[in-house]
Amino acid sequence: MPVYQLTDDLIFPSPMLSEPDGLLAIDGDLSTDRLLLAYANGIFPWYDQDSPIMWWSPGPRMVLYPDKLKVSKSLAQTIRNKGYSVAFDTNFAGVIAQCATANRPDQDGTWITTEMQEAYIGLHNEGFAHSVEIYHEKTLVGGLYGVSLGRIFFGESMFHNKRDASKAALYYLVKKLKAWDFDLIDAQQNTGHIRSMGGELMDKSVFLNILKKSLKAPTIRGKWSL
């Protein structure tokens, strides 16, 4: 399959036309409208500062059903002990900045460039992107952020500076999404971290069908709270 080069027109090729590794298109921009169109079609940006904007739609897709979250004994103990406090959407910029600088042994550098941070802060300001923050003694020690459309949450990145802090963030996110009857968390990439918490691989065509149905529900915009 060819890799498509986007123009200023607000359009994407079918996500089913991606390369085997998931790469679909390059260039375009990170405007709010383009990002929302991308997510609505199962596409997301992922690139580094030395590359053009690259758009991906991998298959199979790593997903997590909210009711299939696996909570380890250590995480359950952390939550019971209440050593951490949790908040939603109180420090989105802080979370994405921490995610950008998190040490990831399997990656050389970060894909969360300054341009990406600004774009997702814009999505947050429009009520589409959300963060979960975990605090210990008023210090931000873990969290995650992502995009919400319809009844799907597209997880983008997470970080932790203390044990189980990112897992606690996912736990509290899932708790909220279950209360709102969300269908799915899109974890995008196949990682051991998400697999250990109940993530599973899904055929891309199945994912896109679920996405299409989920987008018929209204998006819960604005600031989320605990």
C-alpha atoms as a PDB file:
ATOM      1  CA  MET A   1       0.000   0.000   0.000  1.00  0.00           C
ATOM      2  CA  PRO A   2       1.249   3.566  -0.662  1.00  0.00           C
ATOM      3  CA  VAL A   3       1.849   6.035   2.160  1.00  0.00           C
ATOM      4  CA  TYR A   4      -0.376   8.997   1.413  1.00  0.00           C
ATOM      5  CA  GLN A   5       0.794  12.599   1.565  1.00  0.00           C
ATOM      6  CA  LEU A   6      -1.817  14.882   3.057  1.00  0.00           C
ATOM      7  CA  THR A   7      -2.565  18.364   1.780  1.00  0.00           C
ATOM      8  CA  ASP A   8      -4.390  21.273   3.390  1.00  0.00           C
ATOM      9  CA  ASP A   9      -7.681  19.526   2.597  1.00  0.00           C
ATOM     10  CA  LEU A  10      -9.315  18.079   5.698  1.00  0.00           C
ATOM     11  CA  ILE A  11      -9.417  14.455   4.592  1.00  0.00           C
ATOM     12  CA  PHE A  12      -7.758  11.113   5.336  1.00  0.00           C
ATOM     13  CA  PRO A  13      -7.524   7.937   3.260  1.00  0.00           C
ATOM     14  CA  SER A  14      -9.319   4.884   4.582  1.00  0.00           C
ATOM     15  CA  PRO A  15      -7.525   3.477   7.645  1.00  0.00           C
ATOM     16  CA  MET A  16      -7.753   0.053   6.009  1.00  0.00           C
ATOM     17  CA  LEU A  17      -5.159   1.247   3.477  1.00  0.00           C
ATOM     18  CA  SER A  18      -2.330   1.538   5.992  1.00  0.00           C
ATOM     19  CA  GLU A  19       1.018  -0.203   5.652  1.00  0.00           C
ATOM     20  CA  PRO A  20       1.520  -3.485   7.575  1.00  0.00           C
ATOM     21  CA  ASP A  21       3.176  -1.519  10.398  1.00  0.00           C
ATOM     22  CA  GLY A  22       0.187   0.829  10.550  1.00  0.00           C
ATOM     23  CA  LEU A  23       1.634   3.878   8.775  1.00  0.00           C
ATOM     24  CA  LEU A  24      -1.077   5.500   6.668  1.00  0.00           C
ATOM     25  CA  ALA A  25      -0.098   9.056   5.741  1.00  0.00           C
ATOM     26  CA  ILE A  26       2.362  11.900   6.306  1.00  0.00           C
ATOM     27  CA  ASP A  27       2.214  15.694   6.553  1.00  0.00           C
ATOM     28  CA  GLY A  28      -0.965  17.677   7.147  1.00  0.00           C
ATOM     29  CA  ASP A  29      -1.202  19.560  10.432  1.00  0.00           C
ATOM     30  CA  LEU A  30      -2.202  19.122  14.068  1.00  0.00           C
ATOM     31  CA  SER A  31      -5.234  21.402  14.030  1.00  0.00           C
ATOM     32  CA  THR A  32      -8.099  20.492  16.345  1.00  0.00           C
ATOM     33  CA  ASP A  33     -10.360  19.692  13.398  1.00  0.00           C
ATOM     34  CA  ARG A  34      -7.821  17.375  11.783  1.00  0.00           C
ATOM     35  CA  LEU A  35      -7.047  15.584  15.045  1.00  0.00           C
ATOM     36  CA  LEU A  36     -10.733  14.993  15.755  1.00  0.00           C
ATOM     37  CA  LEU A  37     -11.261  13.684  12.217  1.00  0.00           C
ATOM     38  CA  ALA A  38      -8.277  11.384  12.635  1.00  0.00           C
ATOM     39  CA  TYR A  39      -9.510   9.873  15.907  1.00  0.00           C
ATOM     40  CA  ALA A  40     -13.017   9.479  14.526  1.00  0.00           C
ATOM     41  CA  ASN A  41     -11.468   7.276  11.830  1.00  0.00           C
ATOM     42  CA  GLY A  42      -9.158   5.266  14.080  1.00  0.00           C
ATOM     43  CA  ILE A  43      -6.060   7.266  13.099  1.00  0.00           C
ATOM     44  CA  PHE A  44      -3.542   9.039  15.335  1.00  0.00           C
ATOM     45  CA  PRO A  45      -0.287  11.017  14.917  1.00  0.00           C
ATOM     46  CA  TRP A  46       3.032   9.594  16.095  1.00  0.00           C
ATOM     47  CA  TYR A  47       6.398  10.945  14.995  1.00  0.00           C
ATOM     48  CA  ASP A  48       9.580  12.573  16.300  1.00  0.00           C
ATOM     49  CA  GLN A  49      11.007  16.038  15.859  1.00  0.00           C
ATOM     50  CA  ASP A  50      13.203  14.926  12.948  1.00  0.00           C
ATOM     51  CA  SER A  51      10.300  13.482  10.932  1.00  0.00           C
ATOM     52  CA  PRO A  52       7.244  14.857   9.161  1.00  0.00           C
ATOM     53  CA  ILE A  53       3.899  14.402  10.886  1.00  0.00           C
ATOM     54  CA  MET A  54       3.107  10.694  10.529  1.00  0.00           C
ATOM     55  CA  TRP A  55      -0.406   9.252  10.842  1.00  0.00           C
ATOM     56  CA  TRP A  56      -1.021   5.660  11.936  1.00  0.00           C
ATOM     57  CA  SER A  57      -3.808   3.120  12.073  1.00  0.00           C
ATOM     58  CA  PRO A  58      -2.235  -0.142  13.266  1.00  0.00           C
ATOM     59  CA  GLY A  59      -3.797  -3.553  13.159  1.00  0.00           C
ATOM     60  CA  PRO A  60      -4.341  -5.524  15.191  1.00  0.00           C
ATOM     61  CA  ARG A  61      -5.195  -2.866  17.766  1.00  0.00           C
ATOM     62  CA  MET A  62      -4.480  -3.014  21.489  1.00  0.00           C
ATOM     63  CA  VAL A  63      -7.686  -2.266  23.408  1.00  0.00           C
ATOM     64  CA  LEU A  64      -8.982  -2.551  26.938  1.00  0.00           C
ATOM     65  CA  TYR A  65     -12.614  -3.207  27.794  1.00  0.00           C
ATOM     66  CA  PRO A  66     -13.418  -1.267  30.986  1.00  0.00           C
ATOM     67  CA  ASP A  67     -15.031  -4.300  32.616  1.00  0.00           C
ATOM     68  CA  LYS A  68     -11.942  -6.446  31.918  1.00  0.00           C
ATOM     69  CA  LEU A  69      -9.418  -4.363  33.841  1.00  0.00           C
ATOM     70  CA  LYS A  70      -7.046  -6.573  35.876  1.00  0.00           C
ATOM     71  CA  VAL A  71      -6.082  -5.135  39.253  1.00  0.00           C
ATOM     72  CA  SER A  72      -2.985  -6.730  40.775  1.00  0.00           C
ATOM     73  CA  LYS A  73      -2.647  -7.338  44.503  1.00  0.00           C
ATOM     74  CA  SER A  74      -0.039  -4.597  44.781  1.00  0.00           C
ATOM     75  CA  LEU A  75      -2.252  -2.070  42.963  1.00  0.00           C
ATOM     76  CA  ALA A  76      -5.262  -3.021  45.064  1.00  0.00           C
ATOM     77  CA  GLN A  77      -3.163  -2.507  48.188  1.00  0.00           C
ATOM     78  CA  THR A  78      -1.949   0.875  46.923  1.00  0.00           C
ATOM     79  CA  ILE A  79      -5.523   1.993  46.300  1.00  0.00           C
ATOM     80  CA  ARG A  80      -6.743   0.705  49.688  1.00  0.00           C
ATOM     81  CA  ASN A  81      -3.945   2.422  51.576  1.00  0.00           C
ATOM     82  CA  LYS A  82      -4.911   5.719  49.957  1.00  0.00           C
ATOM     83  CA  GLY A  83      -1.331   6.905  49.818  1.00  0.00           C
ATOM     84  CA  TYR A  84      -2.186   8.667  46.578  1.00  0.00           C
ATOM     85  CA  SER A  85      -4.835  11.255  45.787  1.00  0.00           C
ATOM     86  CA  VAL A  86      -6.429  11.502  42.341  1.00  0.00           C
ATOM     87  CA  ALA A  87      -7.814  14.317  40.226  1.00  0.00           C
ATOM     88  CA  PHE A  88      -9.118  14.777  36.699  1.00  0.00           C
ATOM     89  CA  ASP A  89      -8.311  17.657  34.366  1.00  0.00           C
ATOM     90  CA  THR A  90      -6.604  19.852  36.946  1.00  0.00           C
ATOM     91  CA  ASN A  91      -3.107  19.759  35.419  1.00  0.00           C
ATOM     92  CA  PHE A  92      -3.303  18.543  31.836  1.00  0.00           C
ATOM     93  CA  ALA A  93      -0.206  20.485  30.762  1.00  0.00           C
ATOM     94  CA  GLY A  94       1.769  19.026  33.663  1.00  0.00           C
ATOM     95  CA  VAL A  95       0.787  15.464  32.796  1.00  0.00           C
ATOM     96  CA  ILE A  96       1.640  15.740  29.106  1.00  0.00           C
ATOM     97  CA  ALA A  97       4.966  17.411  29.952  1.00  0.00           C
ATOM     98  CA  GLN A  98       5.833  14.564  32.330  1.00  0.00           C
ATOM     99  CA  CYS A  99       4.837  11.989  29.714  1.00  0.00           C
ATOM    100  CA  ALA A 100       7.141  13.714  27.229  1.00  0.00           C
ATOM    101  CA  THR A 101      10.155  13.419  29.526  1.00  0.00           C
ATOM    102  CA  ALA A 102       9.425   9.950  30.928  1.00  0.00           C
ATOM    103  CA  ASN A 103      12.250   7.436  30.523  1.00  0.00           C
ATOM    104  CA  ARG A 104      11.207   4.725  28.068  1.00  0.00           C
ATOM    105  CA  PRO A 105      13.963   2.135  27.493  1.00  0.00           C
ATOM    106  CA  ASP A 106      12.390   0.940  24.228  1.00  0.00           C
ATOM    107  CA  GLN A 107      12.316   4.425  22.676  1.00  0.00           C
ATOM    108  CA  ASP A 108      15.073   6.780  21.555  1.00  0.00           C
ATOM    109  CA  GLY A 109      13.776  10.206  22.527  1.00  0.00           C
ATOM    110  CA  THR A 110      10.145  11.306  22.690  1.00  0.00           C
ATOM    111  CA  TRP A 111       7.335  11.526  20.192  1.00  0.00           C
ATOM    112  CA  ILE A 112       5.514  14.055  22.395  1.00  0.00           C
ATOM    113  CA  THR A 113       7.167  17.080  20.817  1.00  0.00           C
ATOM    114  CA  THR A 114       6.427  20.676  21.782  1.00  0.00           C
ATOM    115  CA  GLU A 115       4.138  20.838  18.737  1.00  0.00           C
ATOM    116  CA  MET A 116       2.242  17.767  19.935  1.00  0.00           C
ATOM    117  CA  GLN A 117       1.924  19.139  23.453  1.00  0.00           C
ATOM    118  CA  GLU A 118       0.467  22.386  22.170  1.00  0.00           C
ATOM    119  CA  ALA A 119      -1.972  20.535  19.920  1.00  0.00           C
ATOM    120  CA  TYR A 120      -3.305  18.313  22.702  1.00  0.00           C
ATOM    121  CA  ILE A 121      -3.525  21.188  25.152  1.00  0.00           C
ATOM    122  CA  GLY A 122      -5.721  22.787  22.480  1.00  0.00           C
ATOM    123  CA  LEU A 123      -7.884  19.651  22.399  1.00  0.00           C
ATOM    124  CA  HIS A 124      -8.074  19.797  26.193  1.00  0.00           C
ATOM    125  CA  ASN A 125      -9.162  23.423  26.109  1.00  0.00           C
ATOM    126  CA  GLU A 126     -11.923  22.432  23.684  1.00  0.00           C
ATOM    127  CA  GLY A 127     -13.087  19.699  26.085  1.00  0.00           C
ATOM    128  CA  PHE A 128     -11.987  16.656  24.066  1.00  0.00           C
ATOM    129  CA  ALA A 129      -8.695  15.697  25.763  1.00  0.00           C
ATOM    130  CA  HIS A 130      -8.496  14.730  29.425  1.00  0.00           C
ATOM    131  CA  SER A 131      -5.938  13.895  32.055  1.00  0.00           C
ATOM    132  CA  VAL A 132      -5.896  11.814  35.211  1.00  0.00           C
ATOM    133  CA  GLU A 133      -3.430  13.018  37.832  1.00  0.00           C
ATOM    134  CA  ILE A 134      -2.030  11.028  40.756  1.00  0.00           C
ATOM    135  CA  TYR A 135      -0.541  13.005  43.628  1.00  0.00           C
ATOM    136  CA  HIS A 136       1.561  12.030  46.621  1.00  0.00           C
ATOM    137  CA  GLU A 137       1.843  14.707  49.282  1.00  0.00           C
ATOM    138  CA  LYS A 138       0.651  17.285  46.723  1.00  0.00           C
ATOM    139  CA  THR A 139       3.348  16.295  44.206  1.00  0.00           C
ATOM    140  CA  LEU A 140       2.345  14.969  40.781  1.00  0.00           C
ATOM    141  CA  VAL A 141       3.806  11.451  40.655  1.00  0.00           C
ATOM    142  CA  GLY A 142       1.819   9.765  37.897  1.00  0.00           C
ATOM    143  CA  GLY A 143      -0.913  10.185  35.365  1.00  0.00           C
ATOM    144  CA  LEU A 144      -2.211   9.709  31.873  1.00  0.00           C
ATOM    145  CA  TYR A 145      -3.918  11.662  29.131  1.00  0.00           C
ATOM    146  CA  GLY A 146      -6.012  10.889  26.082  1.00  0.00           C
ATOM    147  CA  VAL A 147      -8.877  11.905  23.842  1.00  0.00           C
ATOM    148  CA  SER A 148     -12.549  11.114  24.359  1.00  0.00           C
ATOM    149  CA  LEU A 149     -15.045  10.828  21.495  1.00  0.00           C
ATOM    150  CA  GLY A 150     -18.439   9.207  21.770  1.00  0.00           C
ATOM    151  CA  ARG A 151     -18.004   6.205  24.042  1.00  0.00           C
ATOM    152  CA  ILE A 152     -14.337   5.508  23.331  1.00  0.00           C
ATOM    153  CA  PHE A 153     -11.338   6.868  25.198  1.00  0.00           C
ATOM    154  CA  PHE A 154      -8.154   7.004  23.119  1.00  0.00           C
ATOM    155  CA  GLY A 155      -5.274   6.602  25.548  1.00  0.00           C
ATOM    156  CA  GLU A 156      -2.186   8.530  24.461  1.00  0.00           C
ATOM    157  CA  SER A 157       0.472   8.215  27.133  1.00  0.00           C
ATOM    158  CA  MET A 158       1.087   7.701  30.846  1.00  0.00           C
ATOM    159  CA  PHE A 159       3.936   8.189  33.295  1.00  0.00           C
ATOM    160  CA  HIS A 160       4.878   7.334  36.855  1.00  0.00           C
ATOM    161  CA  ASN A 161       7.510   8.558  39.288  1.00  0.00           C
ATOM    162  CA  LYS A 162       6.326   6.312  42.102  1.00  0.00           C
ATOM    163  CA  ARG A 163       5.290   2.671  42.161  1.00  0.00           C
ATOM    164  CA  ASP A 164       1.907   1.886  40.578  1.00  0.00           C
ATOM    165  CA  ALA A 165       1.111   5.584  40.048  1.00  0.00           C
ATOM    166  CA  SER A 166       0.298   5.225  36.339  1.00  0.00           C
ATOM    167  CA  LYS A 167      -1.655   2.040  37.038  1.00  0.00           C
ATOM    168  CA  ALA A 168      -3.646   3.906  39.689  1.00  0.00           C
ATOM    169  CA  ALA A 169      -4.435   6.573  37.095  1.00  0.00           C
ATOM    170  CA  LEU A 170      -5.745   3.906  34.719  1.00  0.00           C
ATOM    171  CA  TYR A 171      -7.765   2.326  37.548  1.00  0.00           C
ATOM    172  CA  TYR A 172      -9.556   5.598  38.305  1.00  0.00           C
ATOM    173  CA  LEU A 173     -10.083   6.329  34.609  1.00  0.00           C
ATOM    174  CA  VAL A 174     -11.685   2.913  34.084  1.00  0.00           C
ATOM    175  CA  LYS A 175     -13.885   3.464  37.128  1.00  0.00           C
ATOM    176  CA  LYS A 176     -15.235   6.661  35.573  1.00  0.00           C
ATOM    177  CA  LEU A 177     -15.636   5.175  32.096  1.00  0.00           C
ATOM    178  CA  LYS A 178     -17.572   2.209  33.477  1.00  0.00           C
ATOM    179  CA  ALA A 179     -19.957   4.596  35.230  1.00  0.00           C
ATOM    180  CA  TRP A 180     -20.503   6.357  31.916  1.00  0.00           C
ATOM    181  CA  ASP A 181     -20.954   3.070  30.033  1.00  0.00           C
ATOM    182  CA  PHE A 182     -17.976   3.547  27.711  1.00  0.00           C
ATOM    183  CA  ASP A 183     -17.375   0.782  25.203  1.00  0.00           C
ATOM    184  CA  LEU A 184     -13.610   0.702  24.949  1.00  0.00           C
ATOM    185  CA  ILE A 185     -10.231   2.199  25.737  1.00  0.00           C
ATOM    186  CA  ASP A 186      -8.038   2.344  22.651  1.00  0.00           C
ATOM    187  CA  ALA A 187      -4.485   1.681  23.838  1.00  0.00           C
ATOM    188  CA  GLN A 188      -3.164   1.760  20.241  1.00  0.00           C
ATOM    189  CA  GLN A 189       0.149  -0.075  20.696  1.00  0.00           C
ATOM    190  CA  ASN A 190       0.799  -3.601  21.930  1.00  0.00           C
ATOM    191  CA  THR A 191       2.628  -3.104  25.242  1.00  0.00           C
ATOM    192  CA  GLY A 192       3.271  -5.457  28.139  1.00  0.00           C
ATOM    193  CA  HIS A 193       2.081  -2.781  30.575  1.00  0.00           C
ATOM    194  CA  ILE A 194      -1.427  -2.669  29.093  1.00  0.00           C
ATOM    195  CA  ARG A 195      -1.548  -6.439  28.531  1.00  0.00           C
ATOM    196  CA  SER A 196      -0.807  -6.987  32.223  1.00  0.00           C
ATOM    197  CA  MET A 197      -3.874  -4.909  33.081  1.00  0.00           C
ATOM    198  CA  GLY A 198      -6.250  -6.729  30.756  1.00  0.00           C
ATOM    199  CA  GLY A 199      -5.486  -5.282  27.350  1.00  0.00           C
ATOM    200  CA  GLU A 200      -6.047  -7.470  24.314  1.00  0.00           C
ATOM    201  CA  LEU A 201      -5.409  -7.339  20.587  1.00  0.00           C
ATOM    202  CA  MET A 202      -8.369  -6.699  18.306  1.00  0.00           C
ATOM    203  CA  ASP A 203      -8.609  -6.996  14.533  1.00  0.00           C
ATOM    204  CA  LYS A 204      -8.619  -3.504  13.036  1.00  0.00           C
ATOM    205  CA  SER A 205     -11.856  -4.002  11.131  1.00  0.00           C
ATOM    206  CA  VAL A 206     -13.598  -5.054  14.361  1.00  0.00           C
ATOM    207  CA  PHE A 207     -12.167  -2.024  16.141  1.00  0.00           C
ATOM    208  CA  LEU A 208     -13.361   0.326  13.405  1.00  0.00           C
ATOM    209  CA  ASN A 209     -16.874  -1.154  13.549  1.00  0.00           C
ATOM    210  CA  ILE A 210     -17.028  -0.636  17.314  1.00  0.00           C
ATOM    211  CA  LEU A 211     -15.689   2.891  16.861  1.00  0.00           C
ATOM    212  CA  LYS A 212     -18.371   3.718  14.293  1.00  0.00           C
ATOM    213  CA  LYS A 213     -21.124   2.588  16.662  1.00  0.00           C
ATOM    214  CA  SER A 214     -19.555   4.308  19.686  1.00  0.00           C
ATOM    215  CA  LEU A 215     -19.397   7.654  17.888  1.00  0.00           C
ATOM    216  CA  LYS A 216     -23.188   7.704  17.650  1.00  0.00           C
ATOM    217  CA  ALA A 217     -23.258   8.514  21.375  1.00  0.00           C
ATOM    218  CA  PRO A 218     -22.693  12.140  22.409  1.00  0.00           C
ATOM    219  CA  THR A 219     -19.189  13.105  23.481  1.00  0.00           C
ATOM    220  CA  ILE A 220     -18.869  14.083  27.136  1.00  0.00           C
ATOM    221  CA  ARG A 221     -17.035  17.367  26.640  1.00  0.00           C
ATOM    222  CA  GLY A 222     -15.670  19.847  29.126  1.00  0.00           C
ATOM    223  CA  LYS A 223     -13.739  19.401  32.330  1.00  0.00           C
ATOM    224  CA  TRP A 224     -14.081  15.996  33.965  1.00  0.00           C
ATOM    225  CA  SER A 225     -14.077  15.714  37.731  1.00  0.00           C
ATOM    226  CA  LEU A 226     -13.589  12.946  40.248  1.00  0.00           C
END
